[in-house]
Amino acid sequence: MIKDFDDTTLRSISEIISGVLTHKQISEHFHNCSIDDIAAEGSNKQDRLYFSFKSKQKADNCGNNILNFILKILKPGRYDSVSDFEKDRTNINSKLLFEGIEIDKTGKAREVEKAKTISEAISRSNKIKDKVHGIGIHHDILPYCESEWLNENYFHAILEITKSVAEKLRQKSGYIADGSLLVDECFAVGKESIPKPMLAFNTLSTESEHSEHKGFGNFIKGFFSMYRNPKAHDPKYLDDTQLIEMTEVLVVATIIHNKLDKTFKTGYK
């Protein structure tokens, strides 16, 4: 038996589900779950769900039928895309975790330790973990953006991730510049003569190594130009778009950080 859901949880779950189902679908699910639609005619979806859930829970003296309603919504077979299923599952889990319940990838409920804070609930809801599964994010990136992504502020998380690359370049070189100028100072990219950079990750003894060195420097400059500068001026995107782009930035930044870990001072400067 599932104990009564907290009123705040019921309200939050109702808000999430109101963005998933149409009025017609809500009526169908109420019927299938033996929940009376007690809200006044013309009520918005969130109020229909909340007051009907609250009434049913009070009549049953438990939250069994509320959880059953949620499980019917989160049946994987209802969804045409994995991303839509994961989005809804993650959003609902971020609230259920306060009740010690989590919906797994198969659409089944399981008991877990209750979340105590908002950040913990969001983190454990696996939104980011699922998106970047298997990537292995570089440890120097997380301190810059973890707070932003736990609060789902992906716009600023992207900016912070790019800052992590610039800061590592400064730490490695001792320079204080920023952006493309910093890259040029560190890697001597774009010099007419044979470059004598402050930093390198190979011996620069062959044409191939020079080409690789220059390519990496231009790669970092492109990273700054593509992901940092436009985001400082453009309007914010939709949350889903920002999350996808943040995942891309995490991957590219990890590649750069891994390579920077192998760089050394050449002695030229």
C-alpha atoms as a PDB file:
ATOM      1  CA  MET A   1       0.000   0.000   0.000  1.00  0.00           C
ATOM      2  CA  ILE A   2       1.251   3.486  -0.904  1.00  0.00           C
ATOM      3  CA  LYS A   3       0.761   6.032   1.861  1.00  0.00           C
ATOM      4  CA  ASP A   4      -0.936   9.331   1.103  1.00  0.00           C
ATOM      5  CA  PHE A   5       1.023  11.652  -1.150  1.00  0.00           C
ATOM      6  CA  ASP A   6       1.894  15.024   0.336  1.00  0.00           C
ATOM      7  CA  ASP A   7      -0.415  17.776  -0.889  1.00  0.00           C
ATOM      8  CA  THR A   8       2.505  19.653  -2.448  1.00  0.00           C
ATOM      9  CA  THR A   9       3.505  16.529  -4.356  1.00  0.00           C
ATOM     10  CA  LEU A  10      -0.052  16.061  -5.614  1.00  0.00           C
ATOM     11  CA  ARG A  11      -0.118  19.642  -6.830  1.00  0.00           C
ATOM     12  CA  SER A  12       3.272  19.333  -8.552  1.00  0.00           C
ATOM     13  CA  ILE A  13       2.416  16.005 -10.193  1.00  0.00           C
ATOM     14  CA  SER A  14      -0.887  17.456 -11.407  1.00  0.00           C
ATOM     15  CA  GLU A  15       0.941  20.372 -12.995  1.00  0.00           C
ATOM     16  CA  ILE A  16       3.349  18.061 -14.824  1.00  0.00           C
ATOM     17  CA  ILE A  17       0.645  15.684 -16.048  1.00  0.00           C
ATOM     18  CA  SER A  18      -1.482  18.619 -17.244  1.00  0.00           C
ATOM     19  CA  GLY A  19       1.264  19.290 -19.775  1.00  0.00           C
ATOM     20  CA  VAL A  20       1.291  15.663 -20.927  1.00  0.00           C
ATOM     21  CA  LEU A  21      -2.389  14.771 -21.367  1.00  0.00           C
ATOM     22  CA  THR A  22      -5.318  16.387 -23.143  1.00  0.00           C
ATOM     23  CA  HIS A  23      -8.664  16.834 -21.363  1.00  0.00           C
ATOM     24  CA  LYS A  24      -9.997  13.808 -23.243  1.00  0.00           C
ATOM     25  CA  GLN A  25      -7.027  11.683 -22.232  1.00  0.00           C
ATOM     26  CA  ILE A  26      -7.442  12.750 -18.593  1.00  0.00           C
ATOM     27  CA  SER A  27     -11.065  11.598 -18.689  1.00  0.00           C
ATOM     28  CA  GLU A  28     -10.041   8.241 -20.159  1.00  0.00           C
ATOM     29  CA  HIS A  29      -7.378   7.690 -17.525  1.00  0.00           C
ATOM     30  CA  PHE A  30      -9.746   8.698 -14.720  1.00  0.00           C
ATOM     31  CA  HIS A  31     -12.206   6.061 -15.971  1.00  0.00           C
ATOM     32  CA  ASN A  32      -9.534   3.364 -16.290  1.00  0.00           C
ATOM     33  CA  CYS A  33      -8.203   4.075 -12.795  1.00  0.00           C
ATOM     34  CA  SER A  34     -11.611   4.382 -11.109  1.00  0.00           C
ATOM     35  CA  ILE A  35     -11.028   8.014 -10.183  1.00  0.00           C
ATOM     36  CA  ASP A  36     -14.078  10.305 -10.121  1.00  0.00           C
ATOM     37  CA  ASP A  37     -13.697  13.553 -12.035  1.00  0.00           C
ATOM     38  CA  ILE A  38     -14.954  15.881  -9.324  1.00  0.00           C
ATOM     39  CA  ALA A  39     -13.684  19.225 -10.635  1.00  0.00           C
ATOM     40  CA  ALA A  40     -16.260  21.686 -11.871  1.00  0.00           C
ATOM     41  CA  GLU A  41     -17.000  21.699 -15.580  1.00  0.00           C
ATOM     42  CA  GLY A  42     -14.638  23.975 -17.419  1.00  0.00           C
ATOM     43  CA  SER A  43     -11.826  23.617 -14.895  1.00  0.00           C
ATOM     44  CA  ASN A  44      -8.292  23.712 -16.216  1.00  0.00           C
ATOM     45  CA  LYS A  45      -6.406  20.436 -16.507  1.00  0.00           C
ATOM     46  CA  GLN A  46      -4.209  20.996 -13.483  1.00  0.00           C
ATOM     47  CA  ASP A  47      -7.177  21.633 -11.173  1.00  0.00           C
ATOM     48  CA  ARG A  48      -9.109  18.671 -12.590  1.00  0.00           C
ATOM     49  CA  LEU A  49      -6.209  16.390 -11.803  1.00  0.00           C
ATOM     50  CA  TYR A  50      -5.340  17.842  -8.410  1.00  0.00           C
ATOM     51  CA  PHE A  51      -8.832  17.918  -6.869  1.00  0.00           C
ATOM     52  CA  SER A  52      -9.746  14.506  -8.296  1.00  0.00           C
ATOM     53  CA  PHE A  53      -6.493  12.996  -7.011  1.00  0.00           C
ATOM     54  CA  LYS A  54      -7.024  14.572  -3.586  1.00  0.00           C
ATOM     55  CA  SER A  55     -10.585  13.290  -3.333  1.00  0.00           C
ATOM     56  CA  LYS A  56      -9.663   9.761  -4.420  1.00  0.00           C
ATOM     57  CA  GLN A  57      -6.718   9.601  -2.036  1.00  0.00           C
ATOM     58  CA  LYS A  58      -8.932  10.729   0.873  1.00  0.00           C
ATOM     59  CA  ALA A  59     -11.602   8.131   0.008  1.00  0.00           C
ATOM     60  CA  ASP A  60      -9.020   5.311  -0.314  1.00  0.00           C
ATOM     61  CA  ASN A  61      -6.898   6.460   2.643  1.00  0.00           C
ATOM     62  CA  CYS A  62      -3.846   5.715   0.488  1.00  0.00           C
ATOM     63  CA  GLY A  63      -2.127   6.814  -2.709  1.00  0.00           C
ATOM     64  CA  ASN A  64      -2.418   3.510  -4.610  1.00  0.00           C
ATOM     65  CA  ASN A  65      -4.735   4.732  -7.334  1.00  0.00           C
ATOM     66  CA  ILE A  66      -2.785   7.947  -7.805  1.00  0.00           C
ATOM     67  CA  LEU A  67       0.394   5.967  -8.426  1.00  0.00           C
ATOM     68  CA  ASN A  68      -1.534   3.616 -10.722  1.00  0.00           C
ATOM     69  CA  PHE A  69      -2.664   6.644 -12.752  1.00  0.00           C
ATOM     70  CA  ILE A  70       0.944   7.808 -13.056  1.00  0.00           C
ATOM     71  CA  LEU A  71       2.140   4.348 -14.100  1.00  0.00           C
ATOM     72  CA  LYS A  72      -0.470   4.146 -16.856  1.00  0.00           C
ATOM     73  CA  ILE A  73       0.804   7.448 -18.235  1.00  0.00           C
ATOM     74  CA  LEU A  74       4.415   6.333 -18.078  1.00  0.00           C
ATOM     75  CA  LYS A  75       3.966   3.069 -19.935  1.00  0.00           C
ATOM     76  CA  PRO A  76       6.807   3.026 -22.477  1.00  0.00           C
ATOM     77  CA  GLY A  77       4.367   1.686 -25.088  1.00  0.00           C
ATOM     78  CA  ARG A  78       2.444   4.992 -25.011  1.00  0.00           C
ATOM     79  CA  TYR A  79       5.416   6.835 -26.448  1.00  0.00           C
ATOM     80  CA  ASP A  80       6.706   7.066 -29.997  1.00  0.00           C
ATOM     81  CA  SER A  81      10.118   8.377 -28.937  1.00  0.00           C
ATOM     82  CA  VAL A  82      12.487   7.518 -26.128  1.00  0.00           C
ATOM     83  CA  SER A  83      13.288  11.197 -25.565  1.00  0.00           C
ATOM     84  CA  ASP A  84       9.633  12.077 -24.877  1.00  0.00           C
ATOM     85  CA  PHE A  85       9.299   9.165 -22.449  1.00  0.00           C
ATOM     86  CA  GLU A  86      12.504  10.110 -20.628  1.00  0.00           C
ATOM     87  CA  LYS A  87      11.457  13.744 -20.411  1.00  0.00           C
ATOM     88  CA  ASP A  88       8.135  12.901 -18.751  1.00  0.00           C
ATOM     89  CA  ARG A  89       9.646  10.184 -16.547  1.00  0.00           C
ATOM     90  CA  THR A  90      12.385  12.528 -15.363  1.00  0.00           C
ATOM     91  CA  ASN A  91      10.004  15.387 -14.580  1.00  0.00           C
ATOM     92  CA  ILE A  92       7.651  13.145 -12.607  1.00  0.00           C
ATOM     93  CA  ASN A  93      10.513  11.398 -10.817  1.00  0.00           C
ATOM     94  CA  SER A  94      11.865  14.755  -9.628  1.00  0.00           C
ATOM     95  CA  LYS A  95       8.650  15.060  -7.556  1.00  0.00           C
ATOM     96  CA  LEU A  96       8.084  11.409  -6.624  1.00  0.00           C
ATOM     97  CA  LEU A  97      11.562  11.179  -5.128  1.00  0.00           C
ATOM     98  CA  PHE A  98      10.351  13.344  -2.244  1.00  0.00           C
ATOM     99  CA  GLU A  99       7.902  10.507  -1.504  1.00  0.00           C
ATOM    100  CA  GLY A 100      10.578   7.820  -1.770  1.00  0.00           C
ATOM    101  CA  ILE A 101       9.299   6.531  -5.116  1.00  0.00           C
ATOM    102  CA  GLU A 102      10.972   6.359  -8.520  1.00  0.00           C
ATOM    103  CA  ILE A 103       9.721   5.166 -11.909  1.00  0.00           C
ATOM    104  CA  ASP A 104      12.362   3.091 -13.704  1.00  0.00           C
ATOM    105  CA  LYS A 105      13.063   2.827 -17.431  1.00  0.00           C
ATOM    106  CA  THR A 106      10.558  -0.024 -17.802  1.00  0.00           C
ATOM    107  CA  GLY A 107       7.771   2.140 -16.372  1.00  0.00           C
ATOM    108  CA  LYS A 108       7.631   0.313 -13.027  1.00  0.00           C
ATOM    109  CA  ALA A 109       7.657   1.958  -9.597  1.00  0.00           C
ATOM    110  CA  ARG A 110      10.222   1.137  -6.945  1.00  0.00           C
ATOM    111  CA  GLU A 111      10.894   2.336  -3.421  1.00  0.00           C
ATOM    112  CA  VAL A 112      13.993   4.499  -2.941  1.00  0.00           C
ATOM    113  CA  GLU A 113      15.418   6.739  -0.265  1.00  0.00           C
ATOM    114  CA  LYS A 114      13.524  10.005  -0.027  1.00  0.00           C
ATOM    115  CA  ALA A 115      15.144  13.086  -1.492  1.00  0.00           C
ATOM    116  CA  LYS A 116      15.665  15.855   1.041  1.00  0.00           C
ATOM    117  CA  THR A 117      16.485  18.843  -1.178  1.00  0.00           C
ATOM    118  CA  ILE A 118      15.476  20.160  -4.580  1.00  0.00           C
ATOM    119  CA  SER A 119      19.013  19.798  -5.945  1.00  0.00           C
ATOM    120  CA  GLU A 120      19.170  16.197  -4.776  1.00  0.00           C
ATOM    121  CA  ALA A 121      15.813  15.369  -6.380  1.00  0.00           C
ATOM    122  CA  ILE A 122      16.770  16.908  -9.709  1.00  0.00           C
ATOM    123  CA  SER A 123      20.181  15.260  -9.668  1.00  0.00           C
ATOM    124  CA  ARG A 124      18.780  11.836  -8.838  1.00  0.00           C
ATOM    125  CA  SER A 125      16.057  12.172 -11.455  1.00  0.00           C
ATOM    126  CA  ASN A 126      18.884  11.442 -13.918  1.00  0.00           C
ATOM    127  CA  LYS A 127      18.045  14.067 -16.497  1.00  0.00           C
ATOM    128  CA  ILE A 128      21.686  14.890 -17.134  1.00  0.00           C
ATOM    129  CA  LYS A 129      23.031  11.425 -16.363  1.00  0.00           C
ATOM    130  CA  ASP A 130      20.774   9.859 -19.007  1.00  0.00           C
ATOM    131  CA  LYS A 131      21.651  12.488 -21.574  1.00  0.00           C
ATOM    132  CA  VAL A 132      25.412  12.093 -21.205  1.00  0.00           C
ATOM    133  CA  HIS A 133      25.456   8.352 -20.443  1.00  0.00           C
ATOM    134  CA  GLY A 134      28.830   6.818 -21.259  1.00  0.00           C
ATOM    135  CA  ILE A 135      30.535  10.098 -22.122  1.00  0.00           C
ATOM    136  CA  GLY A 136      32.685  10.424 -19.012  1.00  0.00           C
ATOM    137  CA  ILE A 137      32.575  14.165 -18.389  1.00  0.00           C
ATOM    138  CA  HIS A 138      35.955  15.643 -17.441  1.00  0.00           C
ATOM    139  CA  HIS A 139      36.195  16.315 -13.706  1.00  0.00           C
ATOM    140  CA  ASP A 140      37.423  19.896 -14.200  1.00  0.00           C
ATOM    141  CA  ILE A 141      34.154  20.851 -15.923  1.00  0.00           C
ATOM    142  CA  LEU A 142      31.683  19.909 -13.194  1.00  0.00           C
ATOM    143  CA  PRO A 143      32.570  22.605 -10.619  1.00  0.00           C
ATOM    144  CA  TYR A 144      31.786  25.281 -13.201  1.00  0.00           C
ATOM    145  CA  CYS A 145      28.312  24.176 -14.227  1.00  0.00           C
ATOM    146  CA  GLU A 146      26.848  21.650 -11.760  1.00  0.00           C
ATOM    147  CA  SER A 147      24.780  24.236  -9.889  1.00  0.00           C
ATOM    148  CA  GLU A 148      23.349  25.637 -13.139  1.00  0.00           C
ATOM    149  CA  TRP A 149      22.336  22.308 -14.591  1.00  0.00           C
ATOM    150  CA  LEU A 150      20.835  21.019 -11.331  1.00  0.00           C
ATOM    151  CA  ASN A 151      18.621  24.100 -11.429  1.00  0.00           C
ATOM    152  CA  GLU A 152      17.940  23.378 -15.133  1.00  0.00           C
ATOM    153  CA  ASN A 153      19.536  26.683 -16.113  1.00  0.00           C
ATOM    154  CA  TYR A 154      21.119  25.236 -19.248  1.00  0.00           C
ATOM    155  CA  PHE A 155      21.688  28.619 -20.875  1.00  0.00           C
ATOM    156  CA  HIS A 156      24.145  29.667 -18.164  1.00  0.00           C
ATOM    157  CA  ALA A 157      25.531  26.149 -17.793  1.00  0.00           C
ATOM    158  CA  ILE A 158      26.749  26.369 -21.400  1.00  0.00           C
ATOM    159  CA  LEU A 159      28.520  29.638 -20.646  1.00  0.00           C
ATOM    160  CA  GLU A 160      30.147  28.193 -17.532  1.00  0.00           C
ATOM    161  CA  ILE A 161      31.380  25.106 -19.393  1.00  0.00           C
ATOM    162  CA  THR A 162      33.191  27.289 -21.936  1.00  0.00           C
ATOM    163  CA  LYS A 163      34.728  29.285 -19.079  1.00  0.00           C
ATOM    164  CA  SER A 164      36.250  26.074 -17.724  1.00  0.00           C
ATOM    165  CA  VAL A 165      38.315  25.722 -20.912  1.00  0.00           C
ATOM    166  CA  ALA A 166      39.523  29.325 -20.829  1.00  0.00           C
ATOM    167  CA  GLU A 167      40.490  29.027 -17.175  1.00  0.00           C
ATOM    168  CA  LYS A 168      42.523  25.879 -17.772  1.00  0.00           C
ATOM    169  CA  LEU A 169      44.413  27.651 -20.557  1.00  0.00           C
ATOM    170  CA  ARG A 170      45.211  30.487 -18.154  1.00  0.00           C
ATOM    171  CA  GLN A 171      46.338  28.090 -15.451  1.00  0.00           C
ATOM    172  CA  LYS A 172      48.562  26.220 -17.894  1.00  0.00           C
ATOM    173  CA  SER A 173      50.116  29.309 -19.471  1.00  0.00           C
ATOM    174  CA  GLY A 174      49.971  32.075 -16.903  1.00  0.00           C
ATOM    175  CA  TYR A 175      48.394  34.405 -19.475  1.00  0.00           C
ATOM    176  CA  ILE A 176      45.371  36.528 -18.558  1.00  0.00           C
ATOM    177  CA  ALA A 177      43.787  37.070 -21.988  1.00  0.00           C
ATOM    178  CA  ASP A 178      40.494  35.521 -23.084  1.00  0.00           C
ATOM    179  CA  GLY A 179      38.890  33.853 -26.085  1.00  0.00           C
ATOM    180  CA  SER A 180      40.720  33.651 -29.392  1.00  0.00           C
ATOM    181  CA  LEU A 181      43.511  35.957 -28.202  1.00  0.00           C
ATOM    182  CA  LEU A 182      44.245  33.591 -25.333  1.00  0.00           C
ATOM    183  CA  VAL A 183      44.408  30.637 -27.729  1.00  0.00           C
ATOM    184  CA  ASP A 184      46.753  32.530 -30.046  1.00  0.00           C
ATOM    185  CA  GLU A 185      49.033  33.411 -27.157  1.00  0.00           C
ATOM    186  CA  CYS A 186      49.106  29.831 -25.882  1.00  0.00           C
ATOM    187  CA  PHE A 187      49.423  27.965 -29.178  1.00  0.00           C
ATOM    188  CA  ALA A 188      50.786  30.647 -31.544  1.00  0.00           C
ATOM    189  CA  VAL A 189      48.018  29.835 -34.012  1.00  0.00           C
ATOM    190  CA  GLY A 190      47.944  31.916 -37.169  1.00  0.00           C
ATOM    191  CA  LYS A 191      51.592  32.996 -37.074  1.00  0.00           C
ATOM    192  CA  GLU A 192      53.233  33.477 -40.447  1.00  0.00           C
ATOM    193  CA  SER A 193      56.592  32.090 -39.391  1.00  0.00           C
ATOM    194  CA  ILE A 194      57.282  28.790 -37.694  1.00  0.00           C
ATOM    195  CA  PRO A 195      55.209  28.958 -34.501  1.00  0.00           C
ATOM    196  CA  LYS A 196      56.933  29.015 -31.128  1.00  0.00           C
ATOM    197  CA  PRO A 197      54.013  28.472 -28.802  1.00  0.00           C
ATOM    198  CA  MET A 198      53.900  28.632 -25.039  1.00  0.00           C
ATOM    199  CA  LEU A 199      52.020  25.298 -24.919  1.00  0.00           C
ATOM    200  CA  ALA A 200      52.140  22.143 -27.011  1.00  0.00           C
ATOM    201  CA  PHE A 201      51.069  18.505 -26.707  1.00  0.00           C
ATOM    202  CA  ASN A 202      53.622  17.074 -29.146  1.00  0.00           C
ATOM    203  CA  THR A 203      57.252  17.742 -30.067  1.00  0.00           C
ATOM    204  CA  LEU A 204      56.432  19.959 -33.083  1.00  0.00           C
ATOM    205  CA  SER A 205      59.265  18.213 -34.875  1.00  0.00           C
ATOM    206  CA  THR A 206      57.401  17.233 -38.051  1.00  0.00           C
ATOM    207  CA  GLU A 207      55.006  18.890 -40.447  1.00  0.00           C
ATOM    208  CA  SER A 208      52.310  16.504 -39.310  1.00  0.00           C
ATOM    209  CA  GLU A 209      52.785  17.478 -35.659  1.00  0.00           C
ATOM    210  CA  HIS A 210      52.695  21.179 -36.573  1.00  0.00           C
ATOM    211  CA  SER A 211      49.478  20.588 -38.471  1.00  0.00           C
ATOM    212  CA  GLU A 212      47.947  18.719 -35.535  1.00  0.00           C
ATOM    213  CA  HIS A 213      49.019  21.480 -33.161  1.00  0.00           C
ATOM    214  CA  LYS A 214      47.501  24.202 -35.322  1.00  0.00           C
ATOM    215  CA  GLY A 215      44.324  22.181 -35.824  1.00  0.00           C
ATOM    216  CA  PHE A 216      43.811  21.826 -32.086  1.00  0.00           C
ATOM    217  CA  GLY A 217      44.301  25.543 -31.529  1.00  0.00           C
ATOM    218  CA  ASN A 218      41.734  26.350 -34.200  1.00  0.00           C
ATOM    219  CA  PHE A 219      39.420  23.738 -32.705  1.00  0.00           C
ATOM    220  CA  ILE A 220      39.438  25.605 -29.378  1.00  0.00           C
ATOM    221  CA  LYS A 221      38.876  28.935 -31.113  1.00  0.00           C
ATOM    222  CA  GLY A 222      35.931  27.430 -32.959  1.00  0.00           C
ATOM    223  CA  PHE A 223      34.570  26.094 -29.675  1.00  0.00           C
ATOM    224  CA  PHE A 224      34.625  29.580 -28.134  1.00  0.00           C
ATOM    225  CA  SER A 225      33.092  31.165 -31.211  1.00  0.00           C
ATOM    226  CA  MET A 226      30.337  28.576 -31.625  1.00  0.00           C
ATOM    227  CA  TYR A 227      29.270  27.968 -28.054  1.00  0.00           C
ATOM    228  CA  ARG A 228      30.247  30.955 -25.976  1.00  0.00           C
ATOM    229  CA  ASN A 229      30.056  34.173 -27.947  1.00  0.00           C
ATOM    230  CA  PRO A 230      26.628  33.619 -29.574  1.00  0.00           C
ATOM    231  CA  LYS A 231      25.098  32.542 -26.258  1.00  0.00           C
ATOM    232  CA  ALA A 232      26.153  35.837 -24.700  1.00  0.00           C
ATOM    233  CA  HIS A 233      23.890  37.739 -27.100  1.00  0.00           C
ATOM    234  CA  ASP A 234      21.171  35.475 -28.484  1.00  0.00           C
ATOM    235  CA  PRO A 235      17.717  35.021 -26.899  1.00  0.00           C
ATOM    236  CA  LYS A 236      17.306  31.940 -24.735  1.00  0.00           C
ATOM    237  CA  TYR A 237      16.195  28.798 -26.526  1.00  0.00           C
ATOM    238  CA  LEU A 238      13.506  26.415 -25.361  1.00  0.00           C
ATOM    239  CA  ASP A 239      14.595  24.246 -22.435  1.00  0.00           C
ATOM    240  CA  ASP A 240      14.780  21.048 -24.504  1.00  0.00           C
ATOM    241  CA  THR A 241      16.966  22.729 -27.108  1.00  0.00           C
ATOM    242  CA  GLN A 242      19.228  24.142 -24.402  1.00  0.00           C
ATOM    243  CA  LEU A 243      19.596  20.722 -22.765  1.00  0.00           C
ATOM    244  CA  ILE A 244      20.590  19.101 -26.064  1.00  0.00           C
ATOM    245  CA  GLU A 245      23.083  21.874 -26.780  1.00  0.00           C
ATOM    246  CA  MET A 246      24.512  21.687 -23.264  1.00  0.00           C
ATOM    247  CA  THR A 247      25.129  17.980 -23.812  1.00  0.00           C
ATOM    248  CA  GLU A 248      27.009  18.784 -27.022  1.00  0.00           C
ATOM    249  CA  VAL A 249      29.109  21.396 -25.218  1.00  0.00           C
ATOM    250  CA  LEU A 250      29.944  18.913 -22.458  1.00  0.00           C
ATOM    251  CA  VAL A 251      31.241  16.430 -25.030  1.00  0.00           C
ATOM    252  CA  VAL A 252      33.371  18.964 -26.913  1.00  0.00           C
ATOM    253  CA  ALA A 253      34.703  20.542 -23.716  1.00  0.00           C
ATOM    254  CA  THR A 254      35.680  17.110 -22.411  1.00  0.00           C
ATOM    255  CA  ILE A 255      37.688  16.440 -25.581  1.00  0.00           C
ATOM    256  CA  ILE A 256      39.494  19.759 -25.156  1.00  0.00           C
ATOM    257  CA  HIS A 257      40.172  19.257 -21.446  1.00  0.00           C
ATOM    258  CA  ASN A 258      41.571  15.777 -22.051  1.00  0.00           C
ATOM    259  CA  LYS A 259      43.967  17.162 -24.647  1.00  0.00           C
ATOM    260  CA  LEU A 260      44.942  20.125 -22.469  1.00  0.00           C
ATOM    261  CA  ASP A 261      45.864  17.704 -19.693  1.00  0.00           C
ATOM    262  CA  LYS A 262      48.599  16.426 -22.012  1.00  0.00           C
ATOM    263  CA  THR A 263      50.014  19.834 -22.915  1.00  0.00           C
ATOM    264  CA  PHE A 264      53.294  21.126 -21.544  1.00  0.00           C
ATOM    265  CA  LYS A 265      55.278  24.354 -21.610  1.00  0.00           C
ATOM    266  CA  THR A 266      57.643  24.374 -24.570  1.00  0.00           C
ATOM    267  CA  GLY A 267      60.208  26.786 -23.141  1.00  0.00           C
ATOM    268  CA  TYR A 268      59.816  29.130 -26.125  1.00  0.00           C
ATOM    269  CA  LYS A 269      58.198  31.793 -23.922  1.00  0.00           C
END
